[in-house]
Amino acid sequence: MGKIIIDLNNPKSEYFITQNEEIINNYLSGIQDINLVNELINKVVYDELILYVEEEFMYFSLCKTSYNIISQNTFVKLQNNALLPQFLQYSENMYVNFDYENDIFVNSELGENYLKKNIPCLVHLDKNNLIFYILDETSFILPQ
């Protein structure tokens, strides 16, 4: 599992805020509908996340599916299987781009094993931070 924290108020890219000002302001003002969350995550992946990961990391796959709120049951299953840190507490501001069925990451849109083509990810929106938890059965860790 890898963890990457991106601060919307202090991005690495000098153009990130100016290019995405409306989306960021809407999110920070409390508008958190699923379409805005997905748009914000995609913008952060394309414009900021690439500055935090190694070149060979296939970050574009983080945008290939939609993000939905993770259920508390799924969250607990991931923690029980040591795929999420034990200190992390469930929040309704956590979004995932996968389903987790029978201890397997599943692409809900295609109904297939997620790890074949995509990277499972949990994104925790915590005030001005987007915290990416990159999940994998092999527990790799991304540099930060």
C-alpha atoms as a PDB file:
ATOM      1  CA  MET A   1       0.000   0.000   0.000  1.00  0.00           C
ATOM      2  CA  GLY A   2       1.238   3.449  -0.851  1.00  0.00           C
ATOM      3  CA  LYS A   3       0.079   6.738   0.634  1.00  0.00           C
ATOM      4  CA  ILE A   4       0.322  10.117  -1.073  1.00  0.00           C
ATOM      5  CA  ILE A   5      -0.976  13.350   0.481  1.00  0.00           C
ATOM      6  CA  ILE A   6      -1.795  16.263  -1.800  1.00  0.00           C
ATOM      7  CA  ASP A   7      -2.546  19.632  -0.226  1.00  0.00           C
ATOM      8  CA  LEU A   8      -4.896  21.663  -2.419  1.00  0.00           C
ATOM      9  CA  ASN A   9      -3.621  24.875  -0.825  1.00  0.00           C
ATOM     10  CA  ASN A  10       0.024  24.045  -1.459  1.00  0.00           C
ATOM     11  CA  PRO A  11       0.354  22.156  -4.760  1.00  0.00           C
ATOM     12  CA  LYS A  12       3.680  21.241  -6.334  1.00  0.00           C
ATOM     13  CA  SER A  13       2.504  22.511  -9.713  1.00  0.00           C
ATOM     14  CA  GLU A  14       2.411  26.293  -9.796  1.00  0.00           C
ATOM     15  CA  TYR A  15      -0.458  26.215 -12.299  1.00  0.00           C
ATOM     16  CA  PHE A  16      -2.680  23.698 -10.528  1.00  0.00           C
ATOM     17  CA  ILE A  17      -4.727  26.228  -8.546  1.00  0.00           C
ATOM     18  CA  THR A  18      -5.200  28.697 -11.408  1.00  0.00           C
ATOM     19  CA  GLN A  19      -6.210  25.954 -13.868  1.00  0.00           C
ATOM     20  CA  ASN A  20      -8.638  24.310 -11.441  1.00  0.00           C
ATOM     21  CA  GLU A  21      -9.744  27.233  -9.275  1.00  0.00           C
ATOM     22  CA  GLU A  22     -13.489  26.751  -9.759  1.00  0.00           C
ATOM     23  CA  ILE A  23     -13.438  23.019  -8.944  1.00  0.00           C
ATOM     24  CA  ILE A  24     -11.213  23.558  -5.900  1.00  0.00           C
ATOM     25  CA  ASN A  25     -13.334  26.459  -4.607  1.00  0.00           C
ATOM     26  CA  ASN A  26     -16.559  24.483  -5.062  1.00  0.00           C
ATOM     27  CA  TYR A  27     -15.100  21.529  -3.169  1.00  0.00           C
ATOM     28  CA  LEU A  28     -13.633  23.655  -0.360  1.00  0.00           C
ATOM     29  CA  SER A  29     -16.940  25.525   0.008  1.00  0.00           C
ATOM     30  CA  GLY A  30     -18.659  22.263   0.888  1.00  0.00           C
ATOM     31  CA  ILE A  31     -20.088  21.160  -2.465  1.00  0.00           C
ATOM     32  CA  GLN A  32     -19.192  17.489  -2.545  1.00  0.00           C
ATOM     33  CA  ASP A  33     -21.533  15.781  -4.979  1.00  0.00           C
ATOM     34  CA  ILE A  34     -20.151  12.674  -6.658  1.00  0.00           C
ATOM     35  CA  ASN A  35     -19.581  14.389 -10.024  1.00  0.00           C
ATOM     36  CA  LEU A  36     -17.521  17.173  -8.438  1.00  0.00           C
ATOM     37  CA  VAL A  37     -15.530  14.637  -6.387  1.00  0.00           C
ATOM     38  CA  ASN A  38     -14.744  12.587  -9.491  1.00  0.00           C
ATOM     39  CA  GLU A  39     -13.743  15.691 -11.433  1.00  0.00           C
ATOM     40  CA  LEU A  40     -11.519  16.884  -8.590  1.00  0.00           C
ATOM     41  CA  ILE A  41      -9.838  13.482  -8.222  1.00  0.00           C
ATOM     42  CA  ASN A  42      -9.176  13.299 -11.970  1.00  0.00           C
ATOM     43  CA  LYS A  43      -7.688  16.806 -12.046  1.00  0.00           C
ATOM     44  CA  VAL A  44      -5.464  16.027  -9.066  1.00  0.00           C
ATOM     45  CA  VAL A  45      -4.302  12.750 -10.639  1.00  0.00           C
ATOM     46  CA  TYR A  46      -3.441  14.377 -13.975  1.00  0.00           C
ATOM     47  CA  ASP A  47      -1.963  17.623 -12.674  1.00  0.00           C
ATOM     48  CA  GLU A  48      -0.491  16.860  -9.238  1.00  0.00           C
ATOM     49  CA  LEU A  49      -0.163  13.134  -8.530  1.00  0.00           C
ATOM     50  CA  ILE A  50       2.278  12.696 -11.405  1.00  0.00           C
ATOM     51  CA  LEU A  51       4.714  14.919  -9.493  1.00  0.00           C
ATOM     52  CA  TYR A  52       4.700  12.495  -6.525  1.00  0.00           C
ATOM     53  CA  VAL A  53       5.209   9.119  -8.229  1.00  0.00           C
ATOM     54  CA  GLU A  54       7.928   7.339 -10.147  1.00  0.00           C
ATOM     55  CA  GLU A  55       7.866   7.520 -13.914  1.00  0.00           C
ATOM     56  CA  GLU A  56       6.872   3.878 -14.453  1.00  0.00           C
ATOM     57  CA  PHE A  57       3.843   4.132 -12.146  1.00  0.00           C
ATOM     58  CA  MET A  58       0.720   3.936 -14.314  1.00  0.00           C
ATOM     59  CA  TYR A  59      -1.204   6.745 -12.631  1.00  0.00           C
ATOM     60  CA  PHE A  60      -3.608   7.192 -15.587  1.00  0.00           C
ATOM     61  CA  SER A  61      -5.325   3.957 -14.586  1.00  0.00           C
ATOM     62  CA  LEU A  62      -6.529   5.787 -11.459  1.00  0.00           C
ATOM     63  CA  CYS A  63      -8.906   7.732 -13.718  1.00  0.00           C
ATOM     64  CA  LYS A  64     -10.288   4.854 -15.770  1.00  0.00           C
ATOM     65  CA  THR A  65     -13.276   4.277 -13.503  1.00  0.00           C
ATOM     66  CA  SER A  66     -15.528   6.397 -11.317  1.00  0.00           C
ATOM     67  CA  TYR A  67     -15.025   6.868  -7.615  1.00  0.00           C
ATOM     68  CA  ASN A  68     -17.844   6.094  -5.208  1.00  0.00           C
ATOM     69  CA  ILE A  69     -18.182   6.353  -1.441  1.00  0.00           C
ATOM     70  CA  ILE A  70     -16.734   3.276   0.229  1.00  0.00           C
ATOM     71  CA  SER A  71     -19.089   1.371   2.496  1.00  0.00           C
ATOM     72  CA  GLN A  72     -18.089   0.863   6.096  1.00  0.00           C
ATOM     73  CA  ASN A  73     -18.292  -2.929   5.597  1.00  0.00           C
ATOM     74  CA  THR A  74     -15.825  -2.807   2.693  1.00  0.00           C
ATOM     75  CA  PHE A  75     -13.560  -0.486   4.680  1.00  0.00           C
ATOM     76  CA  VAL A  76     -13.474  -2.960   7.597  1.00  0.00           C
ATOM     77  CA  LYS A  77     -12.759  -5.885   5.237  1.00  0.00           C
ATOM     78  CA  LEU A  78      -9.796  -3.997   3.760  1.00  0.00           C
ATOM     79  CA  GLN A  79      -8.448  -3.226   7.233  1.00  0.00           C
ATOM     80  CA  ASN A  80      -8.938  -6.828   8.369  1.00  0.00           C
ATOM     81  CA  ASN A  81      -6.943  -7.990   5.339  1.00  0.00           C
ATOM     82  CA  ALA A  82      -4.152  -5.487   6.157  1.00  0.00           C
ATOM     83  CA  LEU A  83      -4.775  -3.518   2.958  1.00  0.00           C
ATOM     84  CA  LEU A  84      -5.475  -0.299   4.873  1.00  0.00           C
ATOM     85  CA  PRO A  85      -3.680   1.007   7.966  1.00  0.00           C
ATOM     86  CA  GLN A  86      -5.304   0.103  11.280  1.00  0.00           C
ATOM     87  CA  PHE A  87      -5.087   3.714  12.555  1.00  0.00           C
ATOM     88  CA  LEU A  88      -7.278   4.952   9.693  1.00  0.00           C
ATOM     89  CA  GLN A  89     -10.883   5.593  10.707  1.00  0.00           C
ATOM     90  CA  TYR A  90     -13.837   5.273   8.370  1.00  0.00           C
ATOM     91  CA  SER A  91     -15.257   8.467   6.906  1.00  0.00           C
ATOM     92  CA  GLU A  92     -18.025   9.198   4.415  1.00  0.00           C
ATOM     93  CA  ASN A  93     -15.418  11.350   2.637  1.00  0.00           C
ATOM     94  CA  MET A  94     -13.597   8.233   1.402  1.00  0.00           C
ATOM     95  CA  TYR A  95     -13.995   7.191  -2.192  1.00  0.00           C
ATOM     96  CA  VAL A  96     -12.826   4.098  -4.068  1.00  0.00           C
ATOM     97  CA  ASN A  97     -12.528   3.150  -7.724  1.00  0.00           C
ATOM     98  CA  PHE A  98     -13.254  -0.563  -7.181  1.00  0.00           C
ATOM     99  CA  ASP A  99     -15.530  -3.091  -5.535  1.00  0.00           C
ATOM    100  CA  TYR A 100     -14.082  -5.588  -3.068  1.00  0.00           C
ATOM    101  CA  GLU A 101     -15.745  -8.989  -3.286  1.00  0.00           C
ATOM    102  CA  ASN A 102     -14.496 -12.272  -1.807  1.00  0.00           C
ATOM    103  CA  ASP A 103     -11.156 -10.617  -0.961  1.00  0.00           C
ATOM    104  CA  ILE A 104     -10.628  -9.631  -4.604  1.00  0.00           C
ATOM    105  CA  PHE A 105     -10.559  -6.145  -6.134  1.00  0.00           C
ATOM    106  CA  VAL A 106     -13.268  -6.076  -8.804  1.00  0.00           C
ATOM    107  CA  ASN A 107     -13.954  -3.521 -11.496  1.00  0.00           C
ATOM    108  CA  SER A 108     -17.674  -2.940 -10.932  1.00  0.00           C
ATOM    109  CA  GLU A 109     -18.182  -1.579 -14.449  1.00  0.00           C
ATOM    110  CA  LEU A 110     -16.578  -4.579 -16.187  1.00  0.00           C
ATOM    111  CA  GLY A 111     -17.128  -7.280 -13.556  1.00  0.00           C
ATOM    112  CA  GLU A 112     -13.543  -8.530 -13.780  1.00  0.00           C
ATOM    113  CA  ASN A 113     -10.477  -8.746 -11.570  1.00  0.00           C
ATOM    114  CA  TYR A 114      -9.370  -5.150 -11.127  1.00  0.00           C
ATOM    115  CA  LEU A 115      -5.647  -5.782 -10.906  1.00  0.00           C
ATOM    116  CA  LYS A 116      -5.484  -6.972 -14.537  1.00  0.00           C
ATOM    117  CA  LYS A 117      -5.832  -3.444 -15.960  1.00  0.00           C
ATOM    118  CA  ASN A 118      -6.220  -0.896 -13.168  1.00  0.00           C
ATOM    119  CA  ILE A 119      -4.859   0.160  -9.805  1.00  0.00           C
ATOM    120  CA  PRO A 120      -7.248   0.049  -6.841  1.00  0.00           C
ATOM    121  CA  CYS A 121      -7.244   3.297  -4.915  1.00  0.00           C
ATOM    122  CA  LEU A 122      -8.991   4.810  -1.907  1.00  0.00           C
ATOM    123  CA  VAL A 123      -9.061   8.608  -1.811  1.00  0.00           C
ATOM    124  CA  HIS A 124      -9.770  10.300   1.505  1.00  0.00           C
ATOM    125  CA  LEU A 125     -10.925  13.893   1.110  1.00  0.00           C
ATOM    126  CA  ASP A 126      -9.895  15.501   4.381  1.00  0.00           C
ATOM    127  CA  LYS A 127     -10.479  19.273   4.364  1.00  0.00           C
ATOM    128  CA  ASN A 128      -7.915  20.680   1.917  1.00  0.00           C
ATOM    129  CA  ASN A 129      -6.002  17.380   1.566  1.00  0.00           C
ATOM    130  CA  LEU A 130      -6.591  14.521  -0.810  1.00  0.00           C
ATOM    131  CA  ILE A 131      -4.956  11.424   0.608  1.00  0.00           C
ATOM    132  CA  PHE A 132      -4.423   8.656  -1.927  1.00  0.00           C
ATOM    133  CA  TYR A 133      -4.072   5.100  -0.615  1.00  0.00           C
ATOM    134  CA  ILE A 134      -2.834   2.999  -3.506  1.00  0.00           C
ATOM    135  CA  LEU A 135      -3.840  -0.606  -2.806  1.00  0.00           C
ATOM    136  CA  ASP A 136      -2.292  -3.767  -4.161  1.00  0.00           C
ATOM    137  CA  GLU A 137      -2.216  -7.413  -3.176  1.00  0.00           C
ATOM    138  CA  THR A 138       1.594  -7.226  -3.116  1.00  0.00           C
ATOM    139  CA  SER A 139       1.619  -4.201  -0.753  1.00  0.00           C
ATOM    140  CA  PHE A 140       4.006  -2.058  -2.785  1.00  0.00           C
ATOM    141  CA  ILE A 141       4.864   1.367  -1.441  1.00  0.00           C
ATOM    142  CA  LEU A 142       5.108   4.488  -3.565  1.00  0.00           C
ATOM    143  CA  PRO A 143       7.684   7.160  -2.831  1.00  0.00           C
ATOM    144  CA  GLN A 144       6.441  10.425  -1.403  1.00  0.00           C
END
